[in-house]
Amino acid sequence: MLITPLQLAKIRGVTQQTITNWCRAGFLDNDAEYINGRWIIRWSDFLGASLPVTKIGRPAGSRNKKPYPKGV
């Protein structure tokens, strides 16, 4: 089964541009092909791919409990 970067982005919870960047960077090296100006991703191969972790850090809207000292 073949999927598009937009479909994969919805599954992973990231933007379509992020998936395109991953394809260009080689994270989906054997799983994605650039054909006629579009990225095509093999679903069966993608299941075993190791992708970067997304959504690292504090949740949106959380406050910093220990701000930097004054003057830093």
PDB file of N, CA and C in Angstrom:
ATOM      1  N   MET A   1       0.837  -1.170   0.000  1.00  0.00           N
ATOM      2  CA  MET A   1       0.000   0.000   0.000  1.00  0.00           C
ATOM      3  C   MET A   1       0.888   1.240   0.000  1.00  0.00           C
ATOM      4  N   LEU A   2       0.565   2.192  -0.857  1.00  0.00           N
ATOM      5  CA  LEU A   2       1.326   3.428  -0.961  1.00  0.00           C
ATOM      6  C   LEU A   2       0.538   4.567  -0.324  1.00  0.00           C
ATOM      7  N   ILE A   3       1.242   5.453   0.398  1.00  0.00           N
ATOM      8  CA  ILE A   3       0.583   6.599   1.001  1.00  0.00           C
ATOM      9  C   ILE A   3       1.364   7.868   0.661  1.00  0.00           C
ATOM     10  N   THR A   4       0.711   8.998   0.820  1.00  0.00           N
ATOM     11  CA  THR A   4       1.331  10.289   0.533  1.00  0.00           C
ATOM     12  C   THR A   4       1.878  10.894   1.825  1.00  0.00           C
ATOM     13  N   PRO A   5       2.740  11.890   1.699  1.00  0.00           N
ATOM     14  CA  PRO A   5       3.232  12.570   2.901  1.00  0.00           C
ATOM     15  C   PRO A   5       2.095  13.181   3.737  1.00  0.00           C
ATOM     16  N   LEU A   6       1.043  13.663   3.091  1.00  0.00           N
ATOM     17  CA  LEU A   6      -0.075  14.241   3.833  1.00  0.00           C
ATOM     18  C   LEU A   6      -0.773  13.187   4.683  1.00  0.00           C
ATOM     19  N   GLN A   7      -0.987  12.006   4.120  1.00  0.00           N
ATOM     20  CA  GLN A   7      -1.627  10.923   4.880  1.00  0.00           C
ATOM     21  C   GLN A   7      -0.749  10.495   6.053  1.00  0.00           C
ATOM     22  N   LEU A   8       0.542  10.377   5.821  1.00  0.00           N
ATOM     23  CA  LEU A   8       1.466   9.988   6.890  1.00  0.00           C
ATOM     24  C   LEU A   8       1.548  11.073   7.956  1.00  0.00           C
ATOM     25  N   ALA A   9       1.487  12.335   7.533  1.00  0.00           N
ATOM     26  CA  ALA A   9       1.523  13.441   8.490  1.00  0.00           C
ATOM     27  C   ALA A   9       0.330  13.381   9.438  1.00  0.00           C
ATOM     28  N   LYS A  10      -0.834  13.060   8.923  1.00  0.00           N
ATOM     29  CA  LYS A  10      -2.023  12.950   9.769  1.00  0.00           C
ATOM     30  C   LYS A  10      -1.877  11.799  10.763  1.00  0.00           C
ATOM     31  N   ILE A  11      -1.283  10.707  10.327  1.00  0.00           N
ATOM     32  CA  ILE A  11      -1.083   9.545  11.203  1.00  0.00           C
ATOM     33  C   ILE A  11      -0.077   9.869  12.305  1.00  0.00           C
ATOM     34  N   ARG A  12       1.031  10.526  11.941  1.00  0.00           N
ATOM     35  CA  ARG A  12       2.099  10.835  12.906  1.00  0.00           C
ATOM     36  C   ARG A  12       1.823  12.072  13.748  1.00  0.00           C
ATOM     37  N   GLY A  13       0.870  12.908  13.323  1.00  0.00           N
ATOM     38  CA  GLY A  13       0.571  14.115  14.071  1.00  0.00           C
ATOM     39  C   GLY A  13       1.565  15.240  13.835  1.00  0.00           C
ATOM     40  N   VAL A  14       2.126  15.291  12.632  1.00  0.00           N
ATOM     41  CA  VAL A  14       3.063  16.347  12.262  1.00  0.00           C
ATOM     42  C   VAL A  14       2.575  16.987  10.968  1.00  0.00           C
ATOM     43  N   THR A  15       3.311  17.970  10.469  1.00  0.00           N
ATOM     44  CA  THR A  15       2.908  18.622   9.233  1.00  0.00           C
ATOM     45  C   THR A  15       3.420  17.840   8.020  1.00  0.00           C
ATOM     46  N   GLN A  16       2.818  18.148   6.892  1.00  0.00           N
ATOM     47  CA  GLN A  16       3.246  17.507   5.642  1.00  0.00           C
ATOM     48  C   GLN A  16       4.686  17.905   5.320  1.00  0.00           C
ATOM     49  N   GLN A  17       5.061  19.139   5.629  1.00  0.00           N
ATOM     50  CA  GLN A  17       6.426  19.598   5.379  1.00  0.00           C
ATOM     51  C   GLN A  17       7.436  18.808   6.203  1.00  0.00           C
ATOM     52  N   THR A  18       7.077  18.424   7.418  1.00  0.00           N
ATOM     53  CA  THR A  18       7.960  17.620   8.255  1.00  0.00           C
ATOM     54  C   THR A  18       8.236  16.273   7.596  1.00  0.00           C
ATOM     55  N   ILE A  19       7.195  15.638   7.087  1.00  0.00           N
ATOM     56  CA  ILE A  19       7.364  14.346   6.409  1.00  0.00           C
ATOM     57  C   ILE A  19       8.251  14.511   5.178  1.00  0.00           C
ATOM     58  N   THR A  20       8.026  15.579   4.409  1.00  0.00           N
ATOM     59  CA  THR A  20       8.859  15.836   3.229  1.00  0.00           C
ATOM     60  C   THR A  20      10.310  16.043   3.639  1.00  0.00           C
ATOM     61  N   ASN A  21      10.529  16.770   4.727  1.00  0.00           N
ATOM     62  CA  ASN A  21      11.902  16.981   5.225  1.00  0.00           C
ATOM     63  C   ASN A  21      12.540  15.661   5.645  1.00  0.00           C
ATOM     64  N   TRP A  22      11.769  14.788   6.309  1.00  0.00           N
ATOM     65  CA  TRP A  22      12.284  13.477   6.703  1.00  0.00           C
ATOM     66  C   TRP A  22      12.669  12.663   5.475  1.00  0.00           C
ATOM     67  N   CYS A  23      11.857  12.733   4.428  1.00  0.00           N
ATOM     68  CA  CYS A  23      12.175  12.007   3.185  1.00  0.00           C
ATOM     69  C   CYS A  23      13.476  12.520   2.594  1.00  0.00           C
ATOM     70  N   ARG A  24      13.626  13.842   2.521  1.00  0.00           N
ATOM     71  CA  ARG A  24      14.841  14.445   1.960  1.00  0.00           C
ATOM     72  C   ARG A  24      16.076  14.138   2.806  1.00  0.00           C
ATOM     73  N   ALA A  25      15.888  14.095   4.126  1.00  0.00           N
ATOM     74  CA  ALA A  25      17.017  13.863   5.034  1.00  0.00           C
ATOM     75  C   ALA A  25      17.437  12.396   5.074  1.00  0.00           C
ATOM     76  N   GLY A  26      16.601  11.504   4.548  1.00  0.00           N
ATOM     77  CA  GLY A  26      16.963  10.098   4.505  1.00  0.00           C
ATOM     78  C   GLY A  26      16.402   9.260   5.637  1.00  0.00           C
ATOM     79  N   PHE A  27      15.533   9.842   6.484  1.00  0.00           N
ATOM     80  CA  PHE A  27      14.932   9.052   7.557  1.00  0.00           C
ATOM     81  C   PHE A  27      14.029   7.957   6.992  1.00  0.00           C
ATOM     82  N   LEU A  28      13.462   8.199   5.821  1.00  0.00           N
ATOM     83  CA  LEU A  28      12.619   7.205   5.147  1.00  0.00           C
ATOM     84  C   LEU A  28      13.339   6.720   3.891  1.00  0.00           C
ATOM     85  N   ASP A  29      14.633   6.482   4.034  1.00  0.00           N
ATOM     86  CA  ASP A  29      15.504   6.198   2.897  1.00  0.00           C
ATOM     87  C   ASP A  29      14.972   5.100   1.983  1.00  0.00           C
ATOM     88  N   ASN A  30      14.710   3.937   2.511  1.00  0.00           N
ATOM     89  CA  ASN A  30      14.245   2.823   1.678  1.00  0.00           C
ATOM     90  C   ASN A  30      12.728   2.777   1.568  1.00  0.00           C
ATOM     91  N   ASP A  31      12.052   3.613   2.338  1.00  0.00           N
ATOM     92  CA  ASP A  31      10.605   3.565   2.393  1.00  0.00           C
ATOM     93  C   ASP A  31       9.939   4.569   1.468  1.00  0.00           C
ATOM     94  N   ALA A  32      10.657   5.602   1.063  1.00  0.00           N
ATOM     95  CA  ALA A  32      10.064   6.665   0.260  1.00  0.00           C
ATOM     96  C   ALA A  32      10.794   6.800  -1.072  1.00  0.00           C
ATOM     97  N   GLU A  33      10.014   7.111  -2.101  1.00  0.00           N
ATOM     98  CA  GLU A  33      10.579   7.341  -3.429  1.00  0.00           C
ATOM     99  C   GLU A  33      10.038   8.644  -3.969  1.00  0.00           C
ATOM    100  N   TYR A  34      10.873   9.375  -4.672  1.00  0.00           N
ATOM    101  CA  TYR A  34      10.473  10.629  -5.295  1.00  0.00           C
ATOM    102  C   TYR A  34      10.177  10.334  -6.752  1.00  0.00           C
ATOM    103  N   ILE A  35       8.901  10.311  -7.103  1.00  0.00           N
ATOM    104  CA  ILE A  35       8.475   9.940  -8.449  1.00  0.00           C
ATOM    105  C   ILE A  35       7.637  11.063  -9.034  1.00  0.00           C
ATOM    106  N   ASN A  36       8.037  11.556 -10.200  1.00  0.00           N
ATOM    107  CA  ASN A  36       7.298  12.613 -10.909  1.00  0.00           C
ATOM    108  C   ASN A  36       7.008  13.817 -10.015  1.00  0.00           C
ATOM    109  N   GLY A  37       7.965  14.213  -9.207  1.00  0.00           N
ATOM    110  CA  GLY A  37       7.816  15.394  -8.374  1.00  0.00           C
ATOM    111  C   GLY A  37       7.007  15.189  -7.104  1.00  0.00           C
ATOM    112  N   ARG A  38       6.729  13.940  -6.728  1.00  0.00           N
ATOM    113  CA  ARG A  38       5.957  13.651  -5.511  1.00  0.00           C
ATOM    114  C   ARG A  38       6.621  12.539  -4.728  1.00  0.00           C
ATOM    115  N   TRP A  39       6.507  12.644  -3.410  1.00  0.00           N
ATOM    116  CA  TRP A  39       7.005  11.586  -2.543  1.00  0.00           C
ATOM    117  C   TRP A  39       5.932  10.520  -2.379  1.00  0.00           C
ATOM    118  N   ILE A  40       6.304   9.282  -2.550  1.00  0.00           N
ATOM    119  CA  ILE A  40       5.429   8.133  -2.345  1.00  0.00           C
ATOM    120  C   ILE A  40       6.078   7.258  -1.275  1.00  0.00           C
ATOM    121  N   ILE A  41       5.304   6.880  -0.272  1.00  0.00           N
ATOM    122  CA  ILE A  41       5.843   6.119   0.854  1.00  0.00           C
ATOM    123  C   ILE A  41       5.167   4.764   0.929  1.00  0.00           C
ATOM    124  N   ARG A  42       5.972   3.713   1.026  1.00  0.00           N
ATOM    125  CA  ARG A  42       5.422   2.357   1.171  1.00  0.00           C
ATOM    126  C   ARG A  42       5.023   2.136   2.606  1.00  0.00           C
ATOM    127  N   TRP A  43       3.766   1.855   2.851  1.00  0.00           N
ATOM    128  CA  TRP A  43       3.247   1.706   4.214  1.00  0.00           C
ATOM    129  C   TRP A  43       3.897   0.528   4.924  1.00  0.00           C
ATOM    130  N   SER A  44       4.025  -0.609   4.272  1.00  0.00           N
ATOM    131  CA  SER A  44       4.571  -1.805   4.920  1.00  0.00           C
ATOM    132  C   SER A  44       6.017  -1.580   5.352  1.00  0.00           C
ATOM    133  N   ASP A  45       6.788  -0.868   4.549  1.00  0.00           N
ATOM    134  CA  ASP A  45       8.180  -0.585   4.900  1.00  0.00           C
ATOM    135  C   ASP A  45       8.272   0.477   5.984  1.00  0.00           C
ATOM    136  N   PHE A  46       7.331   1.410   5.981  1.00  0.00           N
ATOM    137  CA  PHE A  46       7.357   2.495   6.952  1.00  0.00           C
ATOM    138  C   PHE A  46       7.201   1.986   8.379  1.00  0.00           C
ATOM    139  N   LEU A  47       6.469   0.902   8.572  1.00  0.00           N
ATOM    140  CA  LEU A  47       6.209   0.388   9.915  1.00  0.00           C
ATOM    141  C   LEU A  47       7.501   0.083  10.666  1.00  0.00           C
ATOM    142  N   GLY A  48       8.547  -0.299   9.950  1.00  0.00           N
ATOM    143  CA  GLY A  48       9.815  -0.626  10.589  1.00  0.00           C
ATOM    144  C   GLY A  48      10.809   0.522  10.609  1.00  0.00           C
ATOM    145  N   ALA A  49      10.430   1.677  10.048  1.00  0.00           N
ATOM    146  CA  ALA A  49      11.358   2.803   9.955  1.00  0.00           C
ATOM    147  C   ALA A  49      11.550   3.462  11.319  1.00  0.00           C
ATOM    148  N   SER A  50      12.748   3.941  11.563  1.00  0.00           N
ATOM    149  CA  SER A  50      12.985   4.680  12.806  1.00  0.00           C
ATOM    150  C   SER A  50      12.987   6.166  12.467  1.00  0.00           C
ATOM    151  N   LEU A  51      11.989   6.874  12.964  1.00  0.00           N
ATOM    152  CA  LEU A  51      11.829   8.292  12.680  1.00  0.00           C
ATOM    153  C   LEU A  51      12.211   9.113  13.900  1.00  0.00           C
ATOM    154  N   PRO A  52      12.524  10.384  13.687  1.00  0.00           N
ATOM    155  CA  PRO A  52      12.844  11.242  14.824  1.00  0.00           C
ATOM    156  C   PRO A  52      11.641  11.364  15.760  1.00  0.00           C
ATOM    157  N   VAL A  53      11.924  11.571  17.021  1.00  0.00           N
ATOM    158  CA  VAL A  53      10.862  11.764  18.011  1.00  0.00           C
ATOM    159  C   VAL A  53      10.286  13.153  17.817  1.00  0.00           C
ATOM    160  N   THR A  54       8.963  13.261  17.898  1.00  0.00           N
ATOM    161  CA  THR A  54       8.321  14.556  17.735  1.00  0.00           C
ATOM    162  C   THR A  54       7.778  15.035  19.075  1.00  0.00           C
ATOM    163  N   LYS A  55       7.524  16.297  19.128  1.00  0.00           N
ATOM    164  CA  LYS A  55       6.924  16.920  20.304  1.00  0.00           C
ATOM    165  C   LYS A  55       7.789  16.752  21.561  1.00  0.00           C
ATOM    166  N   ILE A  56       9.029  17.169  21.465  1.00  0.00           N
ATOM    167  CA  ILE A  56       9.946  17.108  22.596  1.00  0.00           C
ATOM    168  C   ILE A  56       9.815  18.401  23.401  1.00  0.00           C
ATOM    169  N   GLY A  57       9.925  18.321  24.686  1.00  0.00           N
ATOM    170  CA  GLY A  57       9.940  19.508  25.524  1.00  0.00           C
ATOM    171  C   GLY A  57       8.672  19.673  26.331  1.00  0.00           C
ATOM    172  N   ARG A  58       8.552  20.850  26.936  1.00  0.00           N
ATOM    173  CA  ARG A  58       7.379  21.146  27.761  1.00  0.00           C
ATOM    174  C   ARG A  58       6.139  21.241  26.900  1.00  0.00           C
ATOM    175  N   PRO A  59       4.988  20.887  27.443  1.00  0.00           N
ATOM    176  CA  PRO A  59       3.738  21.065  26.711  1.00  0.00           C
ATOM    177  C   PRO A  59       3.480  22.546  26.453  1.00  0.00           C
ATOM    178  N   ALA A  60       2.780  22.843  25.370  1.00  0.00           N
ATOM    179  CA  ALA A  60       2.475  24.224  25.032  1.00  0.00           C
ATOM    180  C   ALA A  60       1.692  24.875  26.166  1.00  0.00           C
ATOM    181  N   GLY A  61       2.078  26.081  26.512  1.00  0.00           N
ATOM    182  CA  GLY A  61       1.372  26.828  27.542  1.00  0.00           C
ATOM    183  C   GLY A  61       1.891  26.602  28.950  1.00  0.00           C
ATOM    184  N   SER A  62       2.810  25.667  29.155  1.00  0.00           N
ATOM    185  CA  SER A  62       3.323  25.436  30.504  1.00  0.00           C
ATOM    186  C   SER A  62       4.335  26.530  30.839  1.00  0.00           C
ATOM    187  N   ARG A  63       4.403  26.891  32.085  1.00  0.00           N
ATOM    188  CA  ARG A  63       5.280  27.962  32.521  1.00  0.00           C
ATOM    189  C   ARG A  63       6.601  27.394  33.020  1.00  0.00           C
ATOM    190  N   ASN A  64       7.622  28.186  32.869  1.00  0.00           N
ATOM    191  CA  ASN A  64       8.943  27.819  33.357  1.00  0.00           C
ATOM    192  C   ASN A  64       8.985  28.064  34.858  1.00  0.00           C
ATOM    193  N   LYS A  65       9.152  27.029  35.649  1.00  0.00           N
ATOM    194  CA  LYS A  65       9.162  27.142  37.105  1.00  0.00           C
ATOM    195  C   LYS A  65      10.427  27.818  37.628  1.00  0.00           C
ATOM    196  N   LYS A  66      11.529  27.684  36.871  1.00  0.00           N
ATOM    197  CA  LYS A  66      12.803  28.263  37.295  1.00  0.00           C
ATOM    198  C   LYS A  66      13.323  29.183  36.196  1.00  0.00           C
ATOM    199  N   PRO A  67      12.875  30.431  36.150  1.00  0.00           N
ATOM    200  CA  PRO A  67      13.362  31.338  35.102  1.00  0.00           C
ATOM    201  C   PRO A  67      14.837  31.671  35.311  1.00  0.00           C
ATOM    202  N   TYR A  68      15.459  32.165  34.263  1.00  0.00           N
ATOM    203  CA  TYR A  68      16.865  32.573  34.360  1.00  0.00           C
ATOM    204  C   TYR A  68      16.996  33.709  35.367  1.00  0.00           C
ATOM    205  N   PRO A  69      18.141  33.778  36.069  1.00  0.00           N
ATOM    206  CA  PRO A  69      18.366  34.904  36.989  1.00  0.00           C
ATOM    207  C   PRO A  69      18.422  36.215  36.203  1.00  0.00           C
ATOM    208  N   LYS A  70      18.149  37.298  36.888  1.00  0.00           N
ATOM    209  CA  LYS A  70      18.171  38.616  36.242  1.00  0.00           C
ATOM    210  C   LYS A  70      19.559  38.909  35.697  1.00  0.00           C
ATOM    211  N   GLY A  71      19.606  39.458  34.502  1.00  0.00           N
ATOM    212  CA  GLY A  71      20.879  39.816  33.894  1.00  0.00           C
ATOM    213  C   GLY A  71      21.473  38.742  33.007  1.00  0.00           C
ATOM    214  N   VAL A  72      20.823  37.596  32.876  1.00  0.00           N
ATOM    215  CA  VAL A  72      21.353  36.523  32.027  1.00  0.00           C
ATOM    216  C   VAL A  72      20.705  36.595  30.681  1.00  0.00           C
TER     217      VAL A  72
END
